[in-house]
Amino acid sequence: MRVADRLVLVTGASSGIGRALAVRLAADGARLVVTGRDPDRVQEVAARTGGKAVVADLAAGVEPLLDALPGRPALVVHNAGVGAAGPLEDLAPARVDELIDLNLRAPIQLTRALLPGLRAERGHLVFVASIAALGVAGEAVYSATKAGLRGFADAVRIEVPEVGVTTVLPGAVDTPYFGRRGQEYDRRFPRPIPAERVAEDIVRGIRRDAVEVVTPKWLTLGAKVHGAAPTLFARASRRFG
């Protein structure tokens, strides 16, 4: 699909992938609505892109965002998310709820509410999941929410053929995410890729109506092994992380 002069909603647009994608889509002429929890950052992105800023905590509910939309979005990018690292038994119940509410419940509820308009617009949905959807030790709940998001996207793709659906599985990306999850990224390999690269891959995926975008591409191998030989994948993950 083409985004020029069409209304586009990007959640989690205050930093990282969401911010980079909003800037990229604005360059293509999209009319943007950008949302996030940080008022200053969301306003800065809106000013840079000529879009409308909506400050909203989607973990608390999607209704304020829905009420603020100026029309029917033709493209909806579900990017808002939060992570948590550490042993599962150490994760506070409230933190579990936050991950589920923001990473999974909010995009499901937004999609449900916006689907009639997306159908009418012959629009497109983008779900920014994670390669962690395959399962990452020390991020069990985060992995579960991203796997759920991937499964939801797959089901919507089949149920609603009038609407394009693209799932994005990024690896490590150079964003504030790692600092906010409670554990900085400390691996020598792979090195995090720039958010702008992910944004470019997403735009390319939208144009091609791609089912799934894995970035960087070499991670596709892990996804294939996971699907074809899950036991081998689990053993390799335990050994190599």
Protein backbone atom coordinates (compact mmCIF):
# COMPACT_ATOMS: atom_id res chain seq x y z
CA MET A 1 0.00 0.00 0.00
CA ARG A 2 0.94 3.65 -0.40
CA VAL A 3 0.81 5.93 2.65
CA ALA A 4 0.90 9.37 1.00
CA ASP A 5 -1.97 11.54 2.27
CA ARG A 6 -3.37 8.64 4.30
CA LEU A 7 -3.88 8.56 8.06
CA VAL A 8 -1.31 6.41 9.87
CA LEU A 9 -1.23 5.47 13.56
CA VAL A 10 2.07 4.53 15.18
CA THR A 11 2.03 3.44 18.81
CA GLY A 12 5.13 3.59 20.97
CA ALA A 13 6.40 6.43 18.80
CA SER A 14 8.27 8.41 21.45
CA SER A 15 11.59 6.62 20.85
CA GLY A 16 13.32 3.71 19.16
CA ILE A 17 11.66 1.85 16.31
CA GLY A 18 8.40 3.78 16.61
CA ARG A 19 10.11 7.15 16.35
CA ALA A 20 12.29 6.06 13.43
CA LEU A 21 9.29 4.63 11.62
CA ALA A 22 7.19 7.75 12.16
CA VAL A 23 9.95 9.89 10.66
CA ARG A 24 10.29 7.49 7.73
CA LEU A 25 6.55 7.39 7.02
CA ALA A 26 6.30 11.18 7.23
CA ALA A 27 8.94 11.38 4.50
CA ASP A 28 6.54 9.35 2.32
CA GLY A 29 3.73 11.84 2.93
CA ALA A 30 1.73 10.03 5.61
CA ARG A 31 -0.61 11.96 7.90
CA LEU A 32 0.53 10.72 11.28
CA VAL A 33 -0.94 10.14 14.69
CA VAL A 34 1.85 9.24 17.10
CA THR A 35 1.27 8.02 20.61
CA GLY A 36 3.37 7.19 23.64
CA ARG A 37 3.61 7.69 27.39
CA ASP A 38 6.29 10.40 27.45
CA PRO A 39 4.63 13.77 26.70
CA ASP A 40 7.80 15.64 25.75
CA ARG A 41 9.12 12.94 23.43
CA VAL A 42 5.78 12.32 21.75
CA GLN A 43 5.32 16.06 21.14
CA GLU A 44 8.83 16.26 19.68
CA VAL A 45 8.10 13.43 17.24
CA ALA A 46 4.79 15.01 16.27
CA ALA A 47 6.49 18.35 15.64
CA ARG A 48 9.18 16.72 13.51
CA THR A 49 6.71 14.71 11.44
CA GLY A 50 3.88 17.21 11.23
CA GLY A 51 1.63 14.71 12.97
CA LYS A 52 -0.77 14.69 15.88
CA ALA A 53 0.54 13.67 19.31
CA VAL A 54 -1.63 11.61 21.64
CA VAL A 55 -0.20 10.97 25.09
CA ALA A 56 -1.64 7.67 26.27
CA ASP A 57 -0.77 4.70 28.45
CA LEU A 58 -2.19 1.84 26.42
CA ALA A 59 -1.57 -0.57 29.29
CA ALA A 60 -4.34 1.27 31.11
CA GLY A 61 -6.76 1.12 28.17
CA VAL A 62 -7.07 2.07 24.51
CA GLU A 63 -10.23 4.20 24.71
CA PRO A 64 -8.48 7.59 25.15
CA LEU A 65 -6.44 6.95 22.01
CA LEU A 66 -9.49 5.84 20.04
CA ASP A 67 -11.37 8.97 21.12
CA ALA A 68 -8.46 11.18 19.97
CA LEU A 69 -8.15 9.79 16.44
CA PRO A 70 -9.13 12.34 13.76
CA GLY A 71 -10.37 9.70 11.34
CA ARG A 72 -9.95 6.13 10.13
CA PRO A 73 -6.31 5.04 9.96
CA ALA A 74 -5.33 3.23 6.77
CA LEU A 75 -2.16 1.91 8.42
CA VAL A 76 -1.83 0.92 12.07
CA VAL A 77 1.59 0.08 13.48
CA HIS A 78 1.44 -1.73 16.82
CA ASN A 79 4.87 -0.92 18.18
CA ALA A 80 4.32 0.02 21.83
CA GLY A 81 5.85 -2.49 24.20
CA VAL A 82 7.81 -3.04 27.36
CA GLY A 83 10.29 -5.70 28.41
CA ALA A 84 11.48 -7.34 31.60
CA ALA A 85 14.61 -9.40 32.10
CA GLY A 86 15.44 -11.81 34.87
CA PRO A 87 14.32 -15.14 36.34
CA LEU A 88 10.60 -15.77 35.95
CA GLU A 89 10.06 -16.37 39.67
CA ASP A 90 11.55 -12.95 40.48
CA LEU A 91 9.13 -11.07 38.24
CA ALA A 92 6.55 -9.14 40.25
CA PRO A 93 2.90 -9.97 39.45
CA ALA A 94 2.21 -6.32 38.58
CA ARG A 95 5.07 -6.37 36.09
CA VAL A 96 3.64 -9.51 34.47
CA ASP A 97 0.30 -7.74 34.10
CA GLU A 98 1.96 -4.67 32.57
CA LEU A 99 3.72 -6.73 29.92
CA ILE A 100 0.57 -8.59 28.99
CA ASP A 101 -1.57 -5.43 28.99
CA LEU A 102 0.74 -3.29 26.86
CA ASN A 103 2.37 -5.87 24.59
CA LEU A 104 -0.66 -8.03 23.84
CA ARG A 105 -4.01 -6.86 25.17
CA ALA A 106 -3.69 -3.30 23.84
CA PRO A 107 -2.92 -4.27 20.21
CA ILE A 108 -5.70 -6.84 20.26
CA GLN A 109 -8.23 -4.29 21.50
CA LEU A 110 -7.02 -1.59 19.12
CA THR A 111 -7.21 -3.96 16.17
CA ARG A 112 -10.71 -5.05 17.11
CA ALA A 113 -11.90 -1.45 17.36
CA LEU A 114 -10.18 -0.20 14.20
CA LEU A 115 -10.91 -3.18 11.97
CA PRO A 116 -14.08 -1.80 10.30
CA GLY A 117 -12.21 1.31 9.21
CA LEU A 118 -9.20 -0.69 8.05
CA ARG A 119 -11.51 -2.87 5.96
CA ALA A 120 -13.09 0.20 4.37
CA GLU A 121 -9.67 1.71 3.65
CA ARG A 122 -8.25 -1.58 2.32
CA GLY A 123 -5.59 -0.83 4.89
CA HIS A 124 -2.66 -2.52 6.56
CA LEU A 125 -1.69 -3.69 10.04
CA VAL A 126 1.89 -3.98 11.30
CA PHE A 127 2.65 -5.90 14.49
CA VAL A 128 6.14 -5.26 15.82
CA ALA A 129 6.84 -8.48 17.71
CA SER A 130 10.38 -9.72 18.37
CA ILE A 131 12.66 -12.61 17.60
CA ALA A 132 12.04 -13.34 21.29
CA ALA A 133 8.69 -14.74 20.11
CA LEU A 134 10.69 -17.93 19.52
CA GLY A 135 11.49 -18.06 23.26
CA VAL A 136 14.32 -16.39 25.16
CA ALA A 137 15.50 -17.56 28.59
CA GLY A 138 15.32 -14.80 31.19
CA GLU A 139 12.52 -13.07 29.25
CA ALA A 140 9.77 -15.65 29.52
CA VAL A 141 6.80 -13.30 29.87
CA TYR A 142 8.09 -10.90 27.22
CA SER A 143 8.60 -13.87 24.88
CA ALA A 144 5.07 -15.07 25.59
CA THR A 145 3.51 -11.71 24.76
CA LYS A 146 5.43 -11.46 21.50
CA ALA A 147 4.56 -15.03 20.55
CA GLY A 148 0.92 -14.22 21.30
CA LEU A 149 1.12 -11.11 19.14
CA ARG A 150 2.57 -13.16 16.29
CA GLY A 151 -0.20 -15.75 16.59
CA PHE A 152 -2.87 -13.05 16.72
CA ALA A 153 -1.46 -11.44 13.57
CA ASP A 154 -1.46 -14.79 11.78
CA ALA A 155 -5.12 -15.33 12.66
CA VAL A 156 -6.20 -11.83 11.59
CA ARG A 157 -4.37 -12.29 8.29
CA ILE A 158 -6.50 -15.34 7.54
CA GLU A 159 -9.75 -13.94 8.92
CA VAL A 160 -9.58 -10.52 7.25
CA PRO A 161 -8.13 -10.90 3.73
CA GLU A 162 -9.12 -7.32 2.82
CA VAL A 163 -6.49 -5.98 5.22
CA GLY A 164 -2.75 -6.52 4.82
CA VAL A 165 -0.99 -7.89 7.90
CA THR A 166 2.77 -7.81 8.44
CA THR A 167 4.53 -9.20 11.50
CA VAL A 168 8.00 -7.86 12.33
CA LEU A 169 10.57 -9.91 14.23
CA PRO A 170 13.54 -7.68 15.05
CA GLY A 171 16.61 -8.94 16.84
CA ALA A 172 18.62 -6.67 19.12
CA VAL A 173 18.00 -3.02 18.19
CA ASP A 174 19.89 0.03 19.45
CA THR A 175 17.05 1.68 21.41
CA PRO A 176 16.29 2.63 25.04
CA TYR A 177 14.45 -0.70 25.40
CA PHE A 178 17.31 -2.53 27.09
CA GLY A 179 17.80 0.11 29.76
CA ARG A 180 14.10 0.09 30.56
CA ARG A 181 13.78 -3.69 30.81
CA GLY A 182 16.11 -3.71 33.82
CA GLN A 183 19.17 -5.24 32.17
CA GLU A 184 21.47 -3.64 29.63
CA TYR A 185 22.49 -5.53 26.49
CA ASP A 186 25.90 -7.03 27.17
CA ARG A 187 26.59 -9.44 24.30
CA ARG A 188 29.47 -8.97 21.90
CA PHE A 189 27.48 -10.70 19.17
CA PRO A 190 25.14 -9.94 17.61
CA ARG A 191 25.53 -6.20 17.86
CA PRO A 192 22.30 -4.17 18.00
CA ILE A 193 21.20 -2.71 14.67
CA PRO A 194 19.99 0.90 14.24
CA ALA A 195 16.27 1.59 14.64
CA GLU A 196 16.34 3.34 11.27
CA ARG A 197 17.31 0.07 9.59
CA VAL A 198 14.31 -1.66 11.14
CA ALA A 199 12.07 1.20 10.04
CA GLU A 200 13.31 0.86 6.46
CA ASP A 201 12.70 -2.89 6.52
CA ILE A 202 9.16 -2.32 7.82
CA VAL A 203 8.35 0.19 5.08
CA ARG A 204 9.66 -2.25 2.49
CA GLY A 205 7.52 -4.99 4.03
CA ILE A 206 4.38 -2.81 3.88
CA ARG A 207 4.99 -1.99 0.23
CA ARG A 208 5.41 -5.67 -0.62
CA ASP A 209 2.53 -6.80 1.62
CA ALA A 210 5.03 -9.10 3.32
CA VAL A 211 3.66 -11.65 5.77
CA GLU A 212 6.70 -11.48 8.04
CA VAL A 213 9.81 -9.32 8.25
CA VAL A 214 12.80 -10.68 10.14
CA THR A 215 15.57 -8.17 10.71
CA PRO A 216 18.48 -8.65 10.41
CA LYS A 217 17.75 -11.30 7.79
CA TRP A 218 20.22 -13.86 9.11
CA LEU A 219 17.90 -14.42 12.07
CA THR A 220 15.51 -16.08 9.61
CA LEU A 221 17.63 -19.20 10.05
CA GLY A 222 16.74 -19.35 13.74
CA ALA A 223 13.04 -18.98 12.93
CA LYS A 224 13.23 -21.82 10.41
CA VAL A 225 15.05 -24.14 12.84
CA HIS A 226 12.50 -23.27 15.54
CA GLY A 227 9.66 -24.27 13.25
CA ALA A 228 11.23 -27.38 11.74
CA ALA A 229 13.22 -28.75 14.68
CA PRO A 230 12.08 -27.23 18.00
CA THR A 231 14.12 -29.68 20.09
CA LEU A 232 17.31 -28.75 18.24
CA PHE A 233 16.42 -25.06 18.64
CA ALA A 234 15.96 -25.45 22.39
CA ARG A 235 19.29 -27.26 22.77
CA ALA A 236 21.13 -24.64 20.72
CA SER A 237 19.48 -21.83 22.71
CA ARG A 238 20.61 -23.34 26.01
CA ARG A 239 24.15 -23.70 24.73
CA PHE A 240 24.59 -20.44 22.83
CA GLY A 241 21.94 -18.19 24.40
